[in-house]
C-alpha atoms as a PDB file:
ATOM      1  CA  MET A   1     -11.114  -2.651  -6.877  1.00  0.00           C
ATOM      2  CA  PRO A   2      -8.799  -5.964  -6.729  1.00  0.00           C
ATOM      3  CA  ASP A   3      -9.310  -7.051  -3.212  1.00  0.00           C
ATOM      4  CA  LYS A   4      -5.045  -5.696  -1.755  1.00  0.00           C
ATOM      5  CA  VAL A   5      -1.969  -4.633  -4.278  1.00  0.00           C
ATOM      6  CA  LYS A   6       0.102  -7.208  -4.634  1.00  0.00           C
ATOM      7  CA  LEU A   7       3.381  -5.086  -2.911  1.00  0.00           C
ATOM      8  CA  GLN A   8       6.768  -6.216  -1.187  1.00  0.00           C
ATOM      9  CA  LEU A   9       6.442  -3.884   1.495  1.00  0.00           C
ATOM     10  CA  GLU A  10      10.010  -5.376   3.263  1.00  0.00           C
ATOM     11  CA  GLY A  11      13.171  -4.097   2.047  1.00  0.00           C
ATOM     12  CA  LEU A  12      11.736  -0.649   0.981  1.00  0.00           C
ATOM     13  CA  ASN A  13      12.984   2.275   2.227  1.00  0.00           C
ATOM     14  CA  GLY A  14      10.375   3.141   5.178  1.00  0.00           C
ATOM     15  CA  ASN A  15       9.878   7.112   4.389  1.00  0.00           C
ATOM     16  CA  ALA A  16       6.356   7.371   4.208  1.00  0.00           C
ATOM     17  CA  PHE A  17       6.269   9.078   1.348  1.00  0.00           C
ATOM     18  CA  ASN A  18       8.048   6.638  -0.538  1.00  0.00           C
ATOM     19  CA  LEU A  19       5.971   3.782   0.927  1.00  0.00           C
ATOM     20  CA  LEU A  20       2.724   5.827  -0.709  1.00  0.00           C
ATOM     21  CA  ALA A  21       4.903   6.125  -3.605  1.00  0.00           C
ATOM     22  CA  HIS A  22       4.927   2.208  -4.463  1.00  0.00           C
ATOM     23  CA  PHE A  23       1.715   1.897  -3.422  1.00  0.00           C
ATOM     24  CA  ARG A  24       0.463   4.035  -6.082  1.00  0.00           C
ATOM     25  CA  GLN A  25       2.382   2.576  -8.638  1.00  0.00           C
ATOM     26  CA  ALA A  26       1.721  -1.154  -7.743  1.00  0.00           C
ATOM     27  CA  ALA A  27      -1.965   0.230  -7.558  1.00  0.00           C
ATOM     28  CA  ARG A  28      -2.191   1.851 -10.615  1.00  0.00           C
ATOM     29  CA  ARG A  29      -0.238  -1.093 -12.501  1.00  0.00           C
ATOM     30  CA  GLN A  30      -2.947  -3.641 -11.265  1.00  0.00           C
ATOM     31  CA  GLY A  31      -5.848  -1.910 -12.256  1.00  0.00           C
ATOM     32  CA  TRP A  32      -6.858   0.350  -9.443  1.00  0.00           C
ATOM     33  CA  SER A  33      -8.660   3.560 -10.247  1.00  0.00           C
ATOM     34  CA  SER A  34      -7.532   7.148  -9.201  1.00  0.00           C
ATOM     35  CA  ASP A  35     -10.104   7.229  -6.704  1.00  0.00           C
ATOM     36  CA  GLU A  36      -9.489   4.149  -5.237  1.00  0.00           C
ATOM     37  CA  ILE A  37      -5.641   4.705  -4.633  1.00  0.00           C
ATOM     38  CA  GLN A  38      -6.801   8.126  -3.153  1.00  0.00           C
ATOM     39  CA  ALA A  39      -9.225   6.676  -0.701  1.00  0.00           C
ATOM     40  CA  VAL A  40      -6.014   4.318   1.147  1.00  0.00           C
ATOM     41  CA  ILE A  41      -3.784   7.288   0.700  1.00  0.00           C
ATOM     42  CA  ASP A  42      -6.352   9.205   2.357  1.00  0.00           C
ATOM     43  CA  ASP A  43      -6.856   7.078   5.013  1.00  0.00           C
ATOM     44  CA  ALA A  44      -3.092   6.502   5.641  1.00  0.00           C
ATOM     45  CA  THR A  45      -2.147   9.586   6.053  1.00  0.00           C
ATOM     46  CA  LYS A  46      -4.995  10.819   8.313  1.00  0.00           C
ATOM     47  CA  ALA A  47      -3.094   9.783  11.264  1.00  0.00           C
ATOM     48  CA  ASP A  48       0.752   9.091  12.649  1.00  0.00           C
ATOM     49  CA  TYR A  49       3.188   6.868  10.795  1.00  0.00           C
ATOM     50  CA  TYR A  50       1.633   3.859  12.171  1.00  0.00           C
ATOM     51  CA  HIS A  51      -1.349   4.227  11.191  1.00  0.00           C
ATOM     52  CA  LEU A  52      -0.028   4.857   7.606  1.00  0.00           C
ATOM     53  CA  LEU A  53       1.960   1.320   8.258  1.00  0.00           C
ATOM     54  CA  ALA A  54      -1.181  -0.037   9.002  1.00  0.00           C
ATOM     55  CA  THR A  55      -3.329   0.937   6.231  1.00  0.00           C
ATOM     56  CA  LEU A  56      -0.519  -0.049   3.722  1.00  0.00           C
ATOM     57  CA  LEU A  57      -0.400  -3.107   5.416  1.00  0.00           C
ATOM     58  CA  ASP A  58      -4.310  -3.944   5.309  1.00  0.00           C
ATOM     59  CA  ASN A  59      -4.318  -3.230   1.405  1.00  0.00           C
ATOM     60  CA  THR A  60      -1.312  -5.138   0.181  1.00  0.00           C
ATOM     61  CA  GLU A  61      -0.108  -8.562   0.066  1.00  0.00           C
ATOM     62  CA  SER A  62       2.990 -10.278  -0.399  1.00  0.00           C
ATOM     63  CA  PRO A  63       3.460 -10.725  -4.233  1.00  0.00           C
ATOM     64  CA  ASN A  64       4.259 -14.574  -4.206  1.00  0.00           C
ATOM     65  CA  GLY A  65       0.993 -15.226  -2.617  1.00  0.00           C
ATOM     66  CA  ASP A  66       2.171 -15.625   1.457  1.00  0.00           C
ATOM     67  CA  SER A  67       0.371 -14.321   3.905  1.00  0.00           C
ATOM     68  CA  GLU A  68       3.531 -12.832   5.666  1.00  0.00           C
ATOM     69  CA  HIS A  69       4.505  -9.964   3.848  1.00  0.00           C
ATOM     70  CA  VAL A  70       6.786  -7.905   6.323  1.00  0.00           C
END
């Protein structure tokens, strides 16, 4: 599994389902397996919205290599 999914979260519709869909799509394109993607999604959805955001931030990085992506 690659370390992180290259995904710019800033500017996306902040709806939880939308964020998860963008993560899933980007992870698939970048070679993550279904099990790897599902593990992140399962973790992200086990608590509240803020946990979801934190989990996605932990598993994504800016596509342009910047350390800040939100």
